[in-house]
PDB file of N, CA and C in Angstrom:
ATOM      1  N   MET A   1    -104.323 -11.754 -81.338  1.00  0.00           N
ATOM      2  CA  MET A   1    -103.853 -13.120 -81.324  1.00  0.00           C
ATOM      3  C   MET A   1    -102.395 -13.139 -80.879  1.00  0.00           C
ATOM      4  N   THR A   2    -102.051 -14.052 -80.035  1.00  0.00           N
ATOM      5  CA  THR A   2    -100.671 -14.168 -79.575  1.00  0.00           C
ATOM      6  C   THR A   2    -100.201 -15.607 -79.739  1.00  0.00           C
ATOM      7  N   GLU A   3     -98.912 -15.750 -79.783  1.00  0.00           N
ATOM      8  CA  GLU A   3     -98.301 -17.071 -79.901  1.00  0.00           C
ATOM      9  C   GLU A   3     -97.187 -17.167 -78.883  1.00  0.00           C
ATOM     10  N   LYS A   4     -97.159 -18.252 -78.143  1.00  0.00           N
ATOM     11  CA  LYS A   4     -96.075 -18.459 -77.180  1.00  0.00           C
ATOM     12  C   LYS A   4     -94.882 -19.039 -77.907  1.00  0.00           C
ATOM     13  N   ILE A   5     -93.729 -18.430 -77.651  1.00  0.00           N
ATOM     14  CA  ILE A   5     -92.485 -18.869 -78.272  1.00  0.00           C
ATOM     15  C   ILE A   5     -91.438 -18.986 -77.177  1.00  0.00           C
ATOM     16  N   SER A   6     -90.684 -20.011 -77.220  1.00  0.00           N
ATOM     17  CA  SER A   6     -89.599 -20.200 -76.267  1.00  0.00           C
ATOM     18  C   SER A   6     -88.289 -19.772 -76.922  1.00  0.00           C
ATOM     19  N   ILE A   7     -87.514 -18.943 -76.210  1.00  0.00           N
ATOM     20  CA  ILE A   7     -86.238 -18.487 -76.749  1.00  0.00           C
ATOM     21  C   ILE A   7     -85.136 -18.722 -75.722  1.00  0.00           C
ATOM     22  N   SER A   8     -83.928 -18.808 -76.205  1.00  0.00           N
ATOM     23  CA  SER A   8     -82.772 -18.921 -75.321  1.00  0.00           C
ATOM     24  C   SER A   8     -82.006 -17.608 -75.371  1.00  0.00           C
ATOM     25  N   LEU A   9     -81.599 -17.135 -74.195  1.00  0.00           N
ATOM     26  CA  LEU A   9     -80.847 -15.895 -74.088  1.00  0.00           C
ATOM     27  C   LEU A   9     -79.537 -16.148 -73.363  1.00  0.00           C
ATOM     28  N   THR A  10     -78.549 -15.325 -73.688  1.00  0.00           N
ATOM     29  CA  THR A  10     -77.319 -15.381 -72.909  1.00  0.00           C
ATOM     30  C   THR A  10     -77.643 -14.889 -71.498  1.00  0.00           C
ATOM     31  N   ASP A  11     -76.777 -15.180 -70.557  1.00  0.00           N
ATOM     32  CA  ASP A  11     -76.989 -14.710 -69.191  1.00  0.00           C
ATOM     33  C   ASP A  11     -77.085 -13.179 -69.160  1.00  0.00           C
ATOM     34  N   GLU A  12     -76.254 -12.531 -69.955  1.00  0.00           N
ATOM     35  CA  GLU A  12     -76.257 -11.068 -70.003  1.00  0.00           C
ATOM     36  C   GLU A  12     -77.597 -10.532 -70.504  1.00  0.00           C
ATOM     37  N   HIS A  13     -78.110 -11.110 -71.593  1.00  0.00           N
ATOM     38  CA  HIS A  13     -79.398 -10.657 -72.122  1.00  0.00           C
ATOM     39  C   HIS A  13     -80.541 -10.966 -71.171  1.00  0.00           C
ATOM     40  N   ALA A  14     -80.491 -12.119 -70.527  1.00  0.00           N
ATOM     41  CA  ALA A  14     -81.530 -12.467 -69.558  1.00  0.00           C
ATOM     42  C   ALA A  14     -81.538 -11.468 -68.408  1.00  0.00           C
ATOM     43  N   GLN A  15     -80.344 -11.068 -67.958  1.00  0.00           N
ATOM     44  CA  GLN A  15     -80.255 -10.100 -66.871  1.00  0.00           C
ATOM     45  C   GLN A  15     -80.801  -8.740 -67.299  1.00  0.00           C
ATOM     46  N   LEU A  16     -80.497  -8.325 -68.526  1.00  0.00           N
ATOM     47  CA  LEU A  16     -81.037  -7.061 -69.049  1.00  0.00           C
ATOM     48  C   LEU A  16     -82.558  -7.094 -69.065  1.00  0.00           C
ATOM     49  N   LEU A  17     -83.105  -8.209 -69.490  1.00  0.00           N
ATOM     50  CA  LEU A  17     -84.557  -8.375 -69.550  1.00  0.00           C
ATOM     51  C   LEU A  17     -85.164  -8.278 -68.154  1.00  0.00           C
ATOM     52  N   GLN A  18     -84.577  -8.992 -67.214  1.00  0.00           N
ATOM     53  CA  GLN A  18     -85.070  -8.971 -65.833  1.00  0.00           C
ATOM     54  C   GLN A  18     -84.944  -7.577 -65.221  1.00  0.00           C
ATOM     55  N   ASP A  19     -83.823  -6.898 -65.492  1.00  0.00           N
ATOM     56  CA  ASP A  19     -83.626  -5.557 -64.956  1.00  0.00           C
ATOM     57  C   ASP A  19     -84.647  -4.572 -65.507  1.00  0.00           C
ATOM     58  N   ALA A  20     -84.985  -4.722 -66.776  1.00  0.00           N
ATOM     59  CA  ALA A  20     -85.978  -3.834 -67.392  1.00  0.00           C
ATOM     60  C   ALA A  20     -87.327  -3.979 -66.708  1.00  0.00           C
ATOM     61  N   VAL A  21     -87.693  -5.199 -66.365  1.00  0.00           N
ATOM     62  CA  VAL A  21     -88.973  -5.438 -65.685  1.00  0.00           C
ATOM     63  C   VAL A  21     -88.893  -4.970 -64.231  1.00  0.00           C
ATOM     64  N   LYS A  22     -87.794  -5.297 -63.550  1.00  0.00           N
ATOM     65  CA  LYS A  22     -87.639  -4.900 -62.145  1.00  0.00           C
ATOM     66  C   LYS A  22     -87.643  -3.384 -61.971  1.00  0.00           C
ATOM     67  N   SER A  23     -87.147  -2.663 -62.969  1.00  0.00           N
ATOM     68  CA  SER A  23     -87.091  -1.203 -62.879  1.00  0.00           C
ATOM     69  C   SER A  23     -88.483  -0.577 -62.911  1.00  0.00           C
ATOM     70  N   GLY A  24     -89.458  -1.344 -63.382  1.00  0.00           N
ATOM     71  CA  GLY A  24     -90.814  -0.826 -63.501  1.00  0.00           C
ATOM     72  C   GLY A  24     -91.099  -0.206 -64.853  1.00  0.00           C
ATOM     73  N   ASP A  25     -90.078  -0.180 -65.724  1.00  0.00           N
ATOM     74  CA  ASP A  25     -90.303   0.374 -67.059  1.00  0.00           C
ATOM     75  C   ASP A  25     -91.224  -0.514 -67.891  1.00  0.00           C
ATOM     76  N   TYR A  26     -91.255  -1.787 -67.565  1.00  0.00           N
ATOM     77  CA  TYR A  26     -92.083  -2.756 -68.299  1.00  0.00           C
ATOM     78  C   TYR A  26     -92.813  -3.632 -67.292  1.00  0.00           C
ATOM     79  N   ALA A  27     -93.996  -4.070 -67.671  1.00  0.00           N
ATOM     80  CA  ALA A  27     -94.786  -4.921 -66.788  1.00  0.00           C
ATOM     81  C   ALA A  27     -94.387  -6.386 -66.894  1.00  0.00           C
ATOM     82  N   SER A  28     -93.772  -6.758 -68.016  1.00  0.00           N
ATOM     83  CA  SER A  28     -93.413  -8.161 -68.209  1.00  0.00           C
ATOM     84  C   SER A  28     -92.265  -8.296 -69.198  1.00  0.00           C
ATOM     85  N   SER A  29     -91.675  -9.468 -69.199  1.00  0.00           N
ATOM     86  CA  SER A  29     -90.620  -9.770 -70.171  1.00  0.00           C
ATOM     87  C   SER A  29     -91.167  -9.681 -71.586  1.00  0.00           C
ATOM     88  N   SER A  30     -92.395 -10.081 -71.769  1.00  0.00           N
ATOM     89  CA  SER A  30     -93.011 -10.034 -73.095  1.00  0.00           C
ATOM     90  C   SER A  30     -93.067  -8.613 -73.632  1.00  0.00           C
ATOM     91  N   GLU A  31     -93.361  -7.645 -72.743  1.00  0.00           N
ATOM     92  CA  GLU A  31     -93.394  -6.254 -73.179  1.00  0.00           C
ATOM     93  C   GLU A  31     -92.028  -5.791 -73.672  1.00  0.00           C
ATOM     94  N   VAL A  32     -90.979  -6.201 -72.979  1.00  0.00           N
ATOM     95  CA  VAL A  32     -89.622  -5.826 -73.373  1.00  0.00           C
ATOM     96  C   VAL A  32     -89.314  -6.392 -74.757  1.00  0.00           C
ATOM     97  N   ILE A  33     -89.637  -7.658 -74.965  1.00  0.00           N
ATOM     98  CA  ILE A  33     -89.358  -8.316 -76.240  1.00  0.00           C
ATOM     99  C   ILE A  33     -90.184  -7.685 -77.356  1.00  0.00           C
ATOM    100  N   ARG A  34     -91.463  -7.390 -77.087  1.00  0.00           N
ATOM    101  CA  ARG A  34     -92.302  -6.769 -78.123  1.00  0.00           C
ATOM    102  C   ARG A  34     -91.750  -5.418 -78.541  1.00  0.00           C
ATOM    103  N   GLU A  35     -91.315  -4.607 -77.558  1.00  0.00           N
ATOM    104  CA  GLU A  35     -90.756  -3.297 -77.915  1.00  0.00           C
ATOM    105  C   GLU A  35     -89.457  -3.464 -78.700  1.00  0.00           C
ATOM    106  N   ALA A  36     -88.631  -4.408 -78.304  1.00  0.00           N
ATOM    107  CA  ALA A  36     -87.378  -4.638 -79.026  1.00  0.00           C
ATOM    108  C   ALA A  36     -87.664  -5.044 -80.475  1.00  0.00           C
ATOM    109  N   LEU A  37     -88.669  -5.869 -80.680  1.00  0.00           N
ATOM    110  CA  LEU A  37     -89.020  -6.283 -82.041  1.00  0.00           C
ATOM    111  C   LEU A  37     -89.582  -5.128 -82.858  1.00  0.00           C
ATOM    112  N   ARG A  38     -90.383  -4.263 -82.219  1.00  0.00           N
ATOM    113  CA  ARG A  38     -90.907  -3.087 -82.938  1.00  0.00           C
ATOM    114  C   ARG A  38     -89.754  -2.180 -83.371  1.00  0.00           C
ATOM    115  N   GLU A  39     -88.796  -1.967 -82.478  1.00  0.00           N
ATOM    116  CA  GLU A  39     -87.651  -1.123 -82.825  1.00  0.00           C
ATOM    117  C   GLU A  39     -86.787  -1.766 -83.901  1.00  0.00           C
ATOM    118  N   TRP A  40     -86.613  -3.070 -83.833  1.00  0.00           N
ATOM    119  CA  TRP A  40     -85.855  -3.794 -84.855  1.00  0.00           C
ATOM    120  C   TRP A  40     -86.524  -3.643 -86.219  1.00  0.00           C
ATOM    121  N   LYS A  41     -87.851  -3.786 -86.226  1.00  0.00           N
ATOM    122  CA  LYS A  41     -88.607  -3.657 -87.476  1.00  0.00           C
ATOM    123  C   LYS A  41     -88.467  -2.245 -88.046  1.00  0.00           C
ATOM    124  N   ALA A  42     -88.585  -1.231 -87.189  1.00  0.00           N
ATOM    125  CA  ALA A  42     -88.466   0.155 -87.641  1.00  0.00           C
ATOM    126  C   ALA A  42     -87.066   0.441 -88.176  1.00  0.00           C
ATOM    127  N   ARG A  43     -86.043  -0.079 -87.503  1.00  0.00           N
ATOM    128  CA  ARG A  43     -84.661   0.140 -87.943  1.00  0.00           C
ATOM    129  C   ARG A  43     -84.420  -0.495 -89.303  1.00  0.00           C
ATOM    130  N   HIS A  44     -84.966  -1.680 -89.503  1.00  0.00           N
ATOM    131  CA  HIS A  44     -84.795  -2.352 -90.797  1.00  0.00           C
ATOM    132  C   HIS A  44     -85.575  -1.645 -91.904  1.00  0.00           C
ATOM    133  N   LEU A  45     -86.744  -1.123 -91.585  1.00  0.00           N
ATOM    134  CA  LEU A  45     -87.508  -0.352 -92.571  1.00  0.00           C
ATOM    135  C   LEU A  45     -86.738   0.907 -92.955  1.00  0.00           C
ATOM    136  N   LEU A  46     -86.210   1.605 -91.960  1.00  0.00           N
ATOM    137  CA  LEU A  46     -85.443   2.809 -92.238  1.00  0.00           C
ATOM    138  C   LEU A  46     -84.211   2.496 -93.093  1.00  0.00           C
ATOM    139  N   ALA A  47     -83.531   1.414 -92.795  1.00  0.00           N
ATOM    140  CA  ALA A  47     -82.357   1.023 -93.581  1.00  0.00           C
ATOM    141  C   ALA A  47     -82.747   0.721 -95.023  1.00  0.00           C
ATOM    142  N   ARG A  48     -83.883   0.046 -95.211  1.00  0.00           N
ATOM    143  CA  ARG A  48     -84.345  -0.273 -96.561  1.00  0.00           C
ATOM    144  C   ARG A  48     -84.681   0.999 -97.333  1.00  0.00           C
ATOM    145  N   LEU A  49     -85.379   1.921 -96.665  1.00  0.00           N
ATOM    146  CA  LEU A  49     -85.736   3.174 -97.317  1.00  0.00           C
ATOM    147  C   LEU A  49     -84.487   3.994 -97.640  1.00  0.00           C
ATOM    148  N   TRP A  50     -83.520   3.978 -96.757  1.00  0.00           N
ATOM    149  CA  TRP A  50     -82.254   4.686 -96.997  1.00  0.00           C
ATOM    150  C   TRP A  50     -81.577   4.121 -98.244  1.00  0.00           C
ATOM    151  N   ASP A  51     -81.500   2.785 -98.302  1.00  0.00           N
ATOM    152  CA  ASP A  51     -80.874   2.135 -99.453  1.00  0.00           C
ATOM    153  C   ASP A  51     -81.614   2.454-100.751  1.00  0.00           C
ATOM    154  N   GLU A  52     -82.951   2.469-100.696  1.00  0.00           N
ATOM    155  CA  GLU A  52     -83.737   2.810-101.885  1.00  0.00           C
ATOM    156  C   GLU A  52     -83.457   4.257-102.319  1.00  0.00           C
ATOM    157  N   GLY A  53     -83.330   5.135-101.347  1.00  0.00           N
ATOM    158  CA  GLY A  53     -83.041   6.525-101.669  1.00  0.00           C
ATOM    159  C   GLY A  53     -81.684   6.675-102.341  1.00  0.00           C
ATOM    160  N   LEU A  54     -80.691   6.000-101.810  1.00  0.00           N
ATOM    161  CA  LEU A  54     -79.365   6.047-102.423  1.00  0.00           C
ATOM    162  C   LEU A  54     -79.379   5.451-103.823  1.00  0.00           C
ATOM    163  N   ALA A  55     -80.109   4.354-103.980  1.00  0.00           N
ATOM    164  CA  ALA A  55     -80.162   3.676-105.284  1.00  0.00           C
ATOM    165  C   ALA A  55     -80.912   4.500-106.327  1.00  0.00           C
ATOM    166  N   SER A  56     -81.755   5.425-105.881  1.00  0.00           N
ATOM    167  CA  SER A  56     -82.544   6.207-106.832  1.00  0.00           C
ATOM    168  C   SER A  56     -81.701   7.259-107.553  1.00  0.00           C
ATOM    169  N   GLY A  57     -80.492   7.463-107.083  1.00  0.00           N
ATOM    170  CA  GLY A  57     -79.607   8.405-107.755  1.00  0.00           C
ATOM    171  C   GLY A  57     -79.700   9.795-107.167  1.00  0.00           C
ATOM    172  N   PRO A  58     -78.966  10.710-107.755  1.00  0.00           N
ATOM    173  CA  PRO A  58     -78.946  12.076-107.231  1.00  0.00           C
ATOM    174  C   PRO A  58     -80.292  12.774-107.422  1.00  0.00           C
ATOM    175  N   ALA A  59     -80.535  13.731-106.563  1.00  0.00           N
ATOM    176  CA  ALA A  59     -81.778  14.502-106.645  1.00  0.00           C
ATOM    177  C   ALA A  59     -81.789  15.311-107.931  1.00  0.00           C
ATOM    178  N   GLU A  60     -82.983  15.548-108.437  1.00  0.00           N
ATOM    179  CA  GLU A  60     -83.119  16.344-109.654  1.00  0.00           C
ATOM    180  C   GLU A  60     -82.797  17.812-109.390  1.00  0.00           C
ATOM    181  N   ARG A  61     -83.001  18.235-108.157  1.00  0.00           N
ATOM    182  CA  ARG A  61     -82.724  19.610-107.784  1.00  0.00           C
ATOM    183  C   ARG A  61     -81.644  19.611-106.709  1.00  0.00           C
ATOM    184  N   ASP A  62     -80.927  20.676-106.641  1.00  0.00           N
ATOM    185  CA  ASP A  62     -79.927  20.840-105.591  1.00  0.00           C
ATOM    186  C   ASP A  62     -80.553  21.659-104.471  1.00  0.00           C
ATOM    187  N   TRP A  63     -81.359  20.999-103.638  1.00  0.00           N
ATOM    188  CA  TRP A  63     -82.104  21.675-102.592  1.00  0.00           C
ATOM    189  C   TRP A  63     -81.322  21.695-101.290  1.00  0.00           C
ATOM    190  N   SER A  64     -81.497  22.768-100.558  1.00  0.00           N
ATOM    191  CA  SER A  64     -80.960  22.847 -99.203  1.00  0.00           C
ATOM    192  C   SER A  64     -82.021  22.286 -98.251  1.00  0.00           C
ATOM    193  N   MET A  65     -81.653  22.093 -97.001  1.00  0.00           N
ATOM    194  CA  MET A  65     -82.627  21.624 -96.005  1.00  0.00           C
ATOM    195  C   MET A  65     -83.745  22.653 -95.858  1.00  0.00           C
ATOM    196  N   ARG A  66     -83.421  23.924 -95.958  1.00  0.00           N
ATOM    197  CA  ARG A  66     -84.441  24.983 -95.885  1.00  0.00           C
ATOM    198  C   ARG A  66     -85.449  24.817 -97.024  1.00  0.00           C
ATOM    199  N   ASP A  67     -84.962  24.516 -98.235  1.00  0.00           N
ATOM    200  CA  ASP A  67     -85.844  24.305 -99.388  1.00  0.00           C
ATOM    201  C   ASP A  67     -86.762  23.111 -99.156  1.00  0.00           C
ATOM    202  N   ILE A  68     -86.202  22.041 -98.630  1.00  0.00           N
ATOM    203  CA  ILE A  68     -86.978  20.817 -98.386  1.00  0.00           C
ATOM    204  C   ILE A  68     -88.087  21.095 -97.372  1.00  0.00           C
ATOM    205  N   LYS A  69     -87.749  21.790 -96.289  1.00  0.00           N
ATOM    206  CA  LYS A  69     -88.747  22.103 -95.263  1.00  0.00           C
ATOM    207  C   LYS A  69     -89.837  23.022 -95.815  1.00  0.00           C
ATOM    208  N   ALA A  70     -89.443  24.020 -96.594  1.00  0.00           N
ATOM    209  CA  ALA A  70     -90.425  24.938 -97.175  1.00  0.00           C
ATOM    210  C   ALA A  70     -91.371  24.187 -98.106  1.00  0.00           C
ATOM    211  N   ASP A  71     -90.834  23.270 -98.897  1.00  0.00           N
ATOM    212  CA  ASP A  71     -91.661  22.473 -99.803  1.00  0.00           C
ATOM    213  C   ASP A  71     -92.631  21.601 -99.013  1.00  0.00           C
ATOM    214  N   ALA A  72     -92.149  21.010 -97.932  1.00  0.00           N
ATOM    215  CA  ALA A  72     -93.009  20.164 -97.094  1.00  0.00           C
ATOM    216  C   ALA A  72     -94.135  20.988 -96.477  1.00  0.00           C
ATOM    217  N   ARG A  73     -93.810  22.199 -96.031  1.00  0.00           N
ATOM    218  CA  ARG A  73     -94.847  23.063 -95.455  1.00  0.00           C
ATOM    219  C   ARG A  73     -95.888  23.451 -96.501  1.00  0.00           C
ATOM    220  N   ARG A  74     -95.434  23.760 -97.723  1.00  0.00           N
ATOM    221  CA  ARG A  74     -96.374  24.088 -98.799  1.00  0.00           C
ATOM    222  C   ARG A  74     -97.291  22.899 -99.095  1.00  0.00           C
ATOM    223  N   ARG A  75     -96.716  21.715 -99.152  1.00  0.00           N
ATOM    224  CA  ARG A  75     -97.541  20.520 -99.417  1.00  0.00           C
ATOM    225  C   ARG A  75     -98.552  20.276 -98.318  1.00  0.00           C
ATOM    226  N   LYS A  76     -98.114  20.455 -97.087  1.00  0.00           N
ATOM    227  CA  LYS A  76     -99.016  20.239 -95.948  1.00  0.00           C
ATOM    228  C   LYS A  76    -100.157  21.258 -95.963  1.00  0.00           C
ATOM    229  N   ALA A  77     -99.827  22.499 -96.252  1.00  0.00           N
ATOM    230  CA  ALA A  77    -100.844  23.557 -96.284  1.00  0.00           C
ATOM    231  C   ALA A  77    -101.874  23.336 -97.386  1.00  0.00           C
ATOM    232  N   SER A  78    -101.456  22.757 -98.498  1.00  0.00           N
ATOM    233  CA  SER A  78    -102.377  22.548 -99.606  1.00  0.00           C
ATOM    234  C   SER A  78    -103.141  21.226 -99.501  1.00  0.00           C
ATOM    235  N   ALA A  79    -102.815  20.419 -98.535  1.00  0.00           N
ATOM    236  CA  ALA A  79    -103.488  19.113 -98.390  1.00  0.00           C
ATOM    237  C   ALA A  79    -104.820  19.229 -97.699  1.00  0.00           C
TER     238      ALA A  79
END
């Protein structure tokens, strides 16, 4: 399902949109906007998860990155 929405862009943003399509990287302006929204959504999710991690307090263990990776590999192997 899709919905048509009309938006206003600055001349600079409109030119970026047109250039992205003209370059052949995107088939349409809609594709550019959809990808931008997906990236915006992912960035906001990552920021929320980061904030939740900080709010959860210090880790119970003082693990190094090597420890974290080894633990992840053990979990993956046992799954």
